[in-house]
């Protein structure tokens, strides 16, 4: 009888844990959007330039020259190559920023596809688990009937302790299969949270 009660309690615990609710796609996708928004902001931070530093490229070089009379006078000069380099650098920075934006969008979309696939897989496994639990309940009832039938071991000469242990082992194996199904769902659930960057 004690074994039967333990099995009933174990079955109830497995059934209760199997009903873990999944976060909805909206909350998962919102977490992904938030993560990639922060990631993009951090990556673009490196391309922020100080306006003062930028305008220093257009400050002319100051030197000392002499006029026709041989008197010293200040001179101002611009380096054409320096100005061209500034223009080239601006184009390169703009191209790198655009590349980061596109890469961010692509990664975000791929991330959402992965989350969608994980959600579908979890739902399929949960459906399979529900069916397995129904079958397990029948197995539990069968084992309970068998156990009650053979309670009086001394009076029943046809009863074999080995046979009882084999039946018990078979029942425990079925219970373990339920646990493995549940564990697979739990691992996928953790993968779902990690992939979506959702913190509960």
Protein backbone atom coordinates (compact mmCIF):
# COMPACT_ATOMS: atom_id res chain seq x y z
CA UNK A 1 0.00 0.00 0.00
CA UNK A 2 2.88 2.36 0.85
CA UNK A 3 4.39 1.81 -2.60
CA UNK A 4 1.06 2.61 -4.21
CA UNK A 5 0.76 5.91 -2.29
CA UNK A 6 4.31 6.87 -3.22
CA UNK A 7 3.58 6.22 -6.90
CA UNK A 8 0.40 8.29 -6.75
CA UNK A 9 2.28 11.21 -5.14
CA UNK A 10 5.09 10.95 -7.68
CA UNK A 11 2.60 10.90 -10.54
CA UNK A 12 0.82 13.98 -9.16
CA UNK A 13 4.12 15.87 -8.90
CA UNK A 14 5.09 14.98 -12.47
CA UNK A 15 1.67 16.04 -13.73
CA UNK A 16 1.82 19.37 -11.89
CA UNK A 17 5.28 20.23 -13.16
CA UNK A 18 4.26 19.34 -16.70
CA UNK A 19 1.80 22.24 -16.66
CA UNK A 20 4.56 24.91 -16.58
CA UNK A 21 3.34 27.80 -18.69
CA UNK A 22 5.51 29.25 -21.43
CA UNK A 23 6.05 32.97 -21.94
CA UNK A 24 4.12 34.29 -24.93
CA UNK A 25 5.79 35.16 -28.25
CA UNK A 26 5.13 38.88 -27.65
CA UNK A 27 7.14 38.99 -24.43
CA UNK A 28 9.92 36.87 -25.97
CA UNK A 29 10.18 39.07 -29.06
CA UNK A 30 10.06 42.23 -26.92
CA UNK A 31 13.03 40.90 -24.92
CA UNK A 32 14.93 40.24 -28.16
CA UNK A 33 14.16 43.76 -29.46
CA UNK A 34 15.35 45.26 -26.18
CA UNK A 35 18.57 43.22 -26.19
CA UNK A 36 19.52 44.12 -29.75
CA UNK A 37 18.63 47.75 -29.21
CA UNK A 38 21.13 47.94 -26.34
CA UNK A 39 23.67 45.93 -28.35
CA UNK A 40 23.36 48.29 -31.31
CA UNK A 41 23.70 51.33 -29.07
CA UNK A 42 26.89 49.92 -27.53
CA UNK A 43 28.42 49.06 -30.91
CA UNK A 44 27.64 52.47 -32.43
CA UNK A 45 29.07 54.23 -29.38
CA UNK A 46 32.56 53.57 -30.73
CA UNK A 47 31.80 55.69 -33.79
CA UNK A 48 30.75 58.78 -31.90
CA UNK A 49 33.24 61.54 -32.64
CA UNK A 50 33.90 64.76 -30.80
CA UNK A 51 32.93 67.72 -33.06
CA UNK A 52 35.91 69.66 -31.77
CA UNK A 53 38.29 66.92 -32.86
CA UNK A 54 36.58 66.74 -36.27
CA UNK A 55 36.96 70.44 -37.04
CA UNK A 56 40.63 70.29 -36.15
CA UNK A 57 41.15 68.69 -39.55
CA UNK A 58 40.18 71.97 -41.22
CA UNK A 59 42.47 74.22 -39.19
CA UNK A 60 45.15 75.55 -41.53
CA UNK A 61 48.80 75.07 -40.84
CA UNK A 62 50.49 78.26 -39.61
CA UNK A 63 54.06 79.04 -40.60
CA UNK A 64 56.47 81.84 -41.18
CA UNK A 65 57.31 83.23 -44.60
CA UNK A 66 59.02 86.23 -46.12
CA UNK A 67 57.70 88.79 -48.52
CA UNK A 68 59.57 90.25 -51.48
CA UNK A 69 61.16 92.81 -49.24
CA UNK A 70 62.54 90.04 -47.02
CA UNK A 71 60.33 90.84 -44.10
CA UNK A 72 58.82 87.92 -42.14
CA UNK A 73 55.09 87.39 -42.23
CA UNK A 74 52.76 84.58 -41.10
CA UNK A 75 51.59 82.04 -43.66
CA UNK A 76 48.56 79.76 -43.76
CA UNK A 77 48.42 76.50 -45.67
CA UNK A 78 45.95 73.68 -46.23
CA UNK A 79 46.85 70.06 -46.98
CA UNK A 80 44.66 68.73 -49.78
CA UNK A 81 45.54 65.13 -48.92
CA UNK A 82 44.49 65.72 -45.31
CA UNK A 83 41.09 67.03 -46.42
CA UNK A 84 40.66 64.06 -48.75
CA UNK A 85 41.55 61.70 -45.90
CA UNK A 86 38.87 63.29 -43.73
CA UNK A 87 36.29 62.76 -46.45
CA UNK A 88 37.41 59.15 -46.95
CA UNK A 89 37.26 58.47 -43.21
CA UNK A 90 33.73 59.88 -43.02
CA UNK A 91 32.62 57.54 -45.81
CA UNK A 92 34.28 54.57 -44.12
CA UNK A 93 32.64 55.35 -40.79
CA UNK A 94 29.24 55.74 -42.46
CA UNK A 95 29.72 52.39 -44.25
CA UNK A 96 30.73 50.66 -41.00
CA UNK A 97 27.73 52.10 -39.17
CA UNK A 98 25.44 50.90 -41.96
CA UNK A 99 27.06 47.45 -41.81
CA UNK A 100 26.50 47.27 -38.05
CA UNK A 101 22.85 48.30 -38.44
CA UNK A 102 22.20 45.65 -41.11
CA UNK A 103 24.05 42.96 -39.15
CA UNK A 104 22.06 43.83 -36.04
CA UNK A 105 18.76 43.54 -37.94
CA UNK A 106 19.78 40.21 -39.48
CA UNK A 107 20.87 38.73 -36.14
CA UNK A 108 17.66 39.90 -34.50
CA UNK A 109 15.51 38.25 -37.18
CA UNK A 110 17.50 35.01 -36.94
CA UNK A 111 17.12 35.11 -33.16
CA UNK A 112 13.34 35.45 -33.48
CA UNK A 113 13.21 32.51 -35.88
CA UNK A 114 15.17 30.38 -33.39
CA UNK A 115 12.77 31.34 -30.61
CA UNK A 116 9.75 30.52 -32.78
CA UNK A 117 11.21 27.09 -33.57
CA UNK A 118 11.92 26.41 -29.89
CA UNK A 119 8.36 27.40 -28.97
CA UNK A 120 6.93 25.00 -31.56
CA UNK A 121 9.20 22.18 -30.41
CA UNK A 122 8.24 22.71 -26.75
CA UNK A 123 4.55 22.73 -27.60
CA UNK A 124 4.92 19.45 -29.52
CA UNK A 125 6.81 17.83 -26.65
CA UNK A 126 4.25 19.08 -24.12
CA UNK A 127 1.49 17.52 -26.20
CA UNK A 128 3.44 14.24 -26.31
CA UNK A 129 3.96 14.42 -22.55
CA UNK A 130 0.25 14.88 -21.91
CA UNK A 131 -0.47 11.71 -23.89
CA UNK A 132 2.33 9.84 -22.08
CA UNK A 133 0.82 10.90 -18.74
CA UNK A 134 -2.53 9.43 -19.77
CA UNK A 135 -0.87 6.11 -20.61
CA UNK A 136 1.17 6.28 -17.42
CA UNK A 137 -2.01 6.69 -15.35
CA UNK A 138 -3.36 3.47 -16.85
CA UNK A 139 -0.07 1.70 -16.06
CA UNK A 140 -0.26 3.01 -12.51
CA UNK A 141 -3.78 1.64 -12.06
CA UNK A 142 -2.76 -1.73 -13.51
CA UNK A 143 0.20 -1.95 -11.14
CA UNK A 144 -1.97 -0.95 -8.19
CA UNK A 145 -4.50 -3.69 -9.01
CA UNK A 146 -1.66 -6.20 -9.35
CA UNK A 147 -0.20 -5.12 -6.03
CA UNK A 148 -3.51 -5.40 -4.16
CA UNK A 149 -4.13 -8.81 -5.67
CA UNK A 150 -0.83 -10.07 -4.27
CA UNK A 151 -0.82 -8.35 -0.87
CA UNK A 152 -1.13 -11.56 1.10
CA UNK A 153 2.09 -13.13 -0.15
CA UNK A 154 2.03 -16.00 2.36
CA UNK A 155 -1.49 -17.11 1.47
CA UNK A 156 -0.95 -16.94 -2.29
CA UNK A 157 1.25 -19.87 -3.23
CA UNK A 158 1.24 -18.81 -6.90
CA UNK A 159 2.79 -15.46 -6.07
CA UNK A 160 6.43 -14.98 -7.05
CA UNK A 161 8.49 -12.20 -5.40
CA UNK A 162 10.65 -12.08 -8.52
CA UNK A 163 7.58 -11.54 -10.64
CA UNK A 164 6.49 -8.67 -8.39
CA UNK A 165 9.93 -7.03 -8.58
CA UNK A 166 9.92 -7.29 -12.36
CA UNK A 167 6.49 -5.66 -12.50
CA UNK A 168 7.69 -2.93 -10.14
CA UNK A 169 10.84 -2.38 -12.22
CA UNK A 170 8.77 -2.09 -15.40
CA UNK A 171 6.53 0.47 -13.73
CA UNK A 172 9.51 2.50 -12.46
CA UNK A 173 11.02 2.49 -15.94
CA UNK A 174 7.82 3.96 -17.32
CA UNK A 175 7.88 6.58 -14.59
CA UNK A 176 11.47 7.40 -15.52
CA UNK A 177 10.48 7.85 -19.16
CA UNK A 178 7.97 10.45 -18.03
CA UNK A 179 10.71 12.24 -16.09
CA UNK A 180 13.01 12.21 -19.11
CA UNK A 181 10.29 13.72 -21.30
CA UNK A 182 9.71 16.41 -18.70
CA UNK A 183 13.45 17.09 -18.37
CA UNK A 184 13.77 17.56 -22.12
CA UNK A 185 11.00 20.17 -22.01
CA UNK A 186 12.69 21.93 -19.07
CA UNK A 187 16.03 22.05 -20.92
CA UNK A 188 14.33 23.49 -23.99
CA UNK A 189 12.59 26.01 -21.76
CA UNK A 190 15.98 27.17 -20.41
CA UNK A 191 17.32 27.34 -23.97
CA UNK A 192 14.28 29.43 -24.91
CA UNK A 193 14.97 31.94 -22.13
CA UNK A 194 18.65 32.13 -23.07
CA UNK A 195 17.98 32.52 -26.79
CA UNK A 196 15.35 35.22 -26.26
CA UNK A 197 17.48 37.03 -23.62
CA UNK A 198 14.42 37.02 -21.36
CA UNK A 199 15.06 37.27 -17.64
CA UNK A 200 12.31 36.02 -15.35
